[in-house]
């Protein structure tokens, strides 16, 4: 069965976006680019909610470099009840039951499935137990407000730390897997 990995940059105070969809605070440098280059090789599918999809689709098609080549070439699914089309290369629009579609995707042959951003969409996957791993890039910044990565109301879940990678920039990448028994 394929794994679903939620990968997000997050502030020390738990936000993945500053107000106004601002992500300019993300620390991006050579070490992080190398980590992304290494880990993207395991993924062949990306999942997005509408808002993150629209931000990504507005940026990546005109970007250049290895990450852009990956982002533009990989299979993508956008989950939305309001979009009527998804024109970014290799994107499928899903308007139906997200959990059922993700369960179906996990059963298909292929590589790892990544979820980037998409906190509202991801909250539904977390609630249904469909996230197999959390990868967080903790950025050395306090935002003081914005969009929290994890939504209030999620059930308490014990996580096991499986990898830690501190970067010279101060970003710390953490990998967690949910443990079988919730607290």
Protein backbone atom coordinates (compact mmCIF):
# COMPACT_ATOMS: atom_id res chain seq x y z
CA UNK A 1 0.00 0.00 0.00
CA UNK A 2 1.25 3.48 -0.87
CA UNK A 3 2.03 5.96 1.90
CA UNK A 4 0.51 9.43 2.24
CA UNK A 5 3.05 11.92 3.55
CA UNK A 6 2.04 15.40 4.66
CA UNK A 7 5.03 17.73 4.04
CA UNK A 8 4.83 21.34 5.15
CA UNK A 9 6.96 24.27 6.14
CA UNK A 10 5.76 25.67 9.44
CA UNK A 11 6.68 28.49 11.79
CA UNK A 12 7.84 27.74 15.33
CA UNK A 13 4.41 28.92 16.53
CA UNK A 14 2.59 26.44 14.27
CA UNK A 15 1.47 28.44 11.23
CA UNK A 16 1.98 27.35 7.65
CA UNK A 17 0.79 30.65 6.17
CA UNK A 18 1.00 34.19 7.46
CA UNK A 19 -2.12 36.33 6.90
CA UNK A 20 -2.97 36.88 3.24
CA UNK A 21 -1.57 33.51 2.09
CA UNK A 22 1.94 34.90 2.73
CA UNK A 23 4.64 32.22 2.53
CA UNK A 24 7.53 34.63 1.91
CA UNK A 25 8.94 33.71 5.33
CA UNK A 26 9.86 30.17 4.23
CA UNK A 27 13.62 29.71 4.47
CA UNK A 28 14.74 28.18 1.20
CA UNK A 29 18.42 27.49 0.62
CA UNK A 30 20.78 24.89 -0.85
CA UNK A 31 20.48 22.31 1.96
CA UNK A 32 16.70 22.39 1.79
CA UNK A 33 16.80 22.17 -2.00
CA UNK A 34 19.04 19.09 -1.69
CA UNK A 35 16.65 17.50 0.83
CA UNK A 36 13.70 18.16 -1.47
CA UNK A 37 15.65 16.74 -4.41
CA UNK A 38 16.37 13.55 -2.44
CA UNK A 39 12.88 13.02 -1.08
CA UNK A 40 10.84 13.99 -4.13
CA UNK A 41 12.24 10.93 -5.91
CA UNK A 42 10.00 8.68 -3.79
CA UNK A 43 6.82 10.56 -4.74
CA UNK A 44 4.83 10.19 -7.92
CA UNK A 45 1.54 11.77 -6.81
CA UNK A 46 0.66 15.10 -5.16
CA UNK A 47 -2.62 16.00 -3.44
CA UNK A 48 -3.89 19.55 -2.93
CA UNK A 49 -6.89 21.38 -1.61
CA UNK A 50 -8.21 24.19 -3.79
CA UNK A 51 -6.39 27.14 -2.23
CA UNK A 52 -2.95 25.51 -2.26
CA UNK A 53 -3.57 24.16 -5.75
CA UNK A 54 -4.36 27.63 -7.07
CA UNK A 55 -1.19 29.04 -5.48
CA UNK A 56 0.96 26.21 -6.84
CA UNK A 57 -0.61 26.27 -10.31
CA UNK A 58 0.00 30.03 -10.51
CA UNK A 59 3.70 29.62 -9.70
CA UNK A 60 5.21 26.34 -10.93
CA UNK A 61 4.28 26.21 -14.64
CA UNK A 62 6.56 29.19 -15.38
CA UNK A 63 9.31 28.24 -12.87
CA UNK A 64 12.56 26.55 -13.86
CA UNK A 65 14.89 24.05 -12.23
CA UNK A 66 14.74 20.53 -10.85
CA UNK A 67 11.92 21.19 -8.39
CA UNK A 68 9.85 22.89 -11.11
CA UNK A 69 10.46 19.94 -13.45
CA UNK A 70 9.21 17.59 -10.74
CA UNK A 71 6.20 19.73 -9.80
CA UNK A 72 5.11 20.18 -13.40
CA UNK A 73 5.60 16.53 -14.38
CA UNK A 74 4.18 14.62 -11.42
CA UNK A 75 0.57 13.40 -11.28
CA UNK A 76 -1.57 15.80 -9.23
CA UNK A 77 -5.05 15.64 -7.71
CA UNK A 78 -6.91 18.73 -6.55
CA UNK A 79 -9.88 18.25 -4.24
CA UNK A 80 -12.50 20.97 -4.60
CA UNK A 81 -16.25 21.40 -4.66
CA UNK A 82 -15.98 24.82 -6.31
CA UNK A 83 -13.40 24.51 -9.10
CA UNK A 84 -14.78 23.64 -12.51
CA UNK A 85 -11.43 22.89 -14.15
CA UNK A 86 -7.81 22.18 -13.24
CA UNK A 87 -5.52 23.04 -16.13
CA UNK A 88 -2.05 22.48 -14.62
CA UNK A 89 -0.36 19.63 -16.49
CA UNK A 90 -1.29 16.12 -15.22
CA UNK A 91 -3.91 17.39 -12.76
CA UNK A 92 -7.16 15.58 -12.02
CA UNK A 93 -10.01 17.48 -10.37
CA UNK A 94 -11.89 15.52 -7.70
CA UNK A 95 -15.21 16.93 -6.49
CA UNK A 96 -16.47 13.83 -4.67
CA UNK A 97 -15.58 12.15 -1.39
CA UNK A 98 -11.91 12.99 -0.74
CA UNK A 99 -11.32 10.21 1.79
CA UNK A 100 -12.64 7.54 -0.58
CA UNK A 101 -10.52 8.84 -3.45
CA UNK A 102 -7.38 8.93 -1.29
CA UNK A 103 -8.08 5.39 -0.06
CA UNK A 104 -8.37 4.34 -3.72
CA UNK A 105 -5.10 6.10 -4.60
CA UNK A 106 -3.31 4.39 -1.71
CA UNK A 107 -4.35 1.01 -3.15
CA UNK A 108 -2.98 1.78 -6.63
CA UNK A 109 0.52 0.80 -7.67
CA UNK A 110 3.01 3.61 -7.48
CA UNK A 111 5.25 5.67 -5.27
CA UNK A 112 4.59 7.81 -2.26
CA UNK A 113 1.76 10.34 -2.23
CA UNK A 114 2.60 13.80 -0.89
CA UNK A 115 0.22 16.43 0.48
CA UNK A 116 1.66 19.96 0.42
CA UNK A 117 -0.04 22.77 2.34
CA UNK A 118 -3.79 22.28 2.10
CA UNK A 119 -4.46 22.40 5.86
CA UNK A 120 -8.25 22.12 5.54
CA UNK A 121 -8.01 19.21 3.11
CA UNK A 122 -5.27 17.55 5.19
CA UNK A 123 -7.39 17.86 8.37
CA UNK A 124 -9.98 15.58 6.73
CA UNK A 125 -7.31 13.05 5.84
CA UNK A 126 -5.87 13.16 9.36
CA UNK A 127 -9.33 12.65 10.86
CA UNK A 128 -9.83 9.54 8.69
CA UNK A 129 -6.39 8.12 9.58
CA UNK A 130 -5.11 8.45 6.01
CA UNK A 131 -1.84 10.28 6.76
CA UNK A 132 1.02 7.82 7.25
CA UNK A 133 3.78 10.31 7.96
CA UNK A 134 4.22 13.98 8.81
CA UNK A 135 7.29 15.83 7.55
CA UNK A 136 7.65 19.29 8.98
CA UNK A 137 10.23 21.92 8.10
CA UNK A 138 10.24 24.06 11.24
CA UNK A 139 11.33 27.56 10.19
CA UNK A 140 13.12 29.84 12.66
CA UNK A 141 10.37 32.47 12.76
CA UNK A 142 7.41 33.41 14.94
CA UNK A 143 4.52 34.68 12.83
CA UNK A 144 2.13 35.58 15.64
CA UNK A 145 -0.87 34.74 13.45
CA UNK A 146 -1.98 33.18 10.22
CA UNK A 147 -3.29 29.79 9.19
CA UNK A 148 -2.45 27.00 11.64
CA UNK A 149 -1.14 23.81 10.10
CA UNK A 150 -3.19 21.58 12.39
CA UNK A 151 -6.84 22.46 12.89
CA UNK A 152 -8.49 22.53 16.32
CA UNK A 153 -10.60 19.48 17.08
CA UNK A 154 -8.27 16.79 15.76
CA UNK A 155 -8.15 13.78 18.04
CA UNK A 156 -5.00 13.43 20.10
CA UNK A 157 -2.54 11.14 18.32
CA UNK A 158 0.79 9.95 19.63
CA UNK A 159 3.58 10.38 17.08
CA UNK A 160 6.91 8.60 16.77
CA UNK A 161 9.92 10.67 15.67
CA UNK A 162 11.63 8.79 12.84
CA UNK A 163 14.12 11.32 11.49
CA UNK A 164 15.59 14.72 12.32
CA UNK A 165 17.65 16.90 10.03
CA UNK A 166 18.85 20.31 11.27
CA UNK A 167 19.95 22.66 8.49
CA UNK A 168 22.54 25.44 8.75
CA UNK A 169 19.78 27.99 8.05
CA UNK A 170 18.05 27.09 11.31
CA UNK A 171 15.31 25.06 9.64
CA UNK A 172 14.82 21.70 11.34
CA UNK A 173 13.15 18.93 9.35
CA UNK A 174 11.25 16.43 11.46
CA UNK A 175 9.64 13.17 10.32
CA UNK A 176 6.87 11.68 12.46
CA UNK A 177 4.67 8.62 12.06
CA UNK A 178 1.39 8.15 13.94
CA UNK A 179 1.62 5.38 16.50
CA UNK A 180 -1.03 2.67 16.40
CA UNK A 181 -2.66 3.61 19.70
CA UNK A 182 -3.94 7.14 20.08
CA UNK A 183 -3.59 8.66 23.54
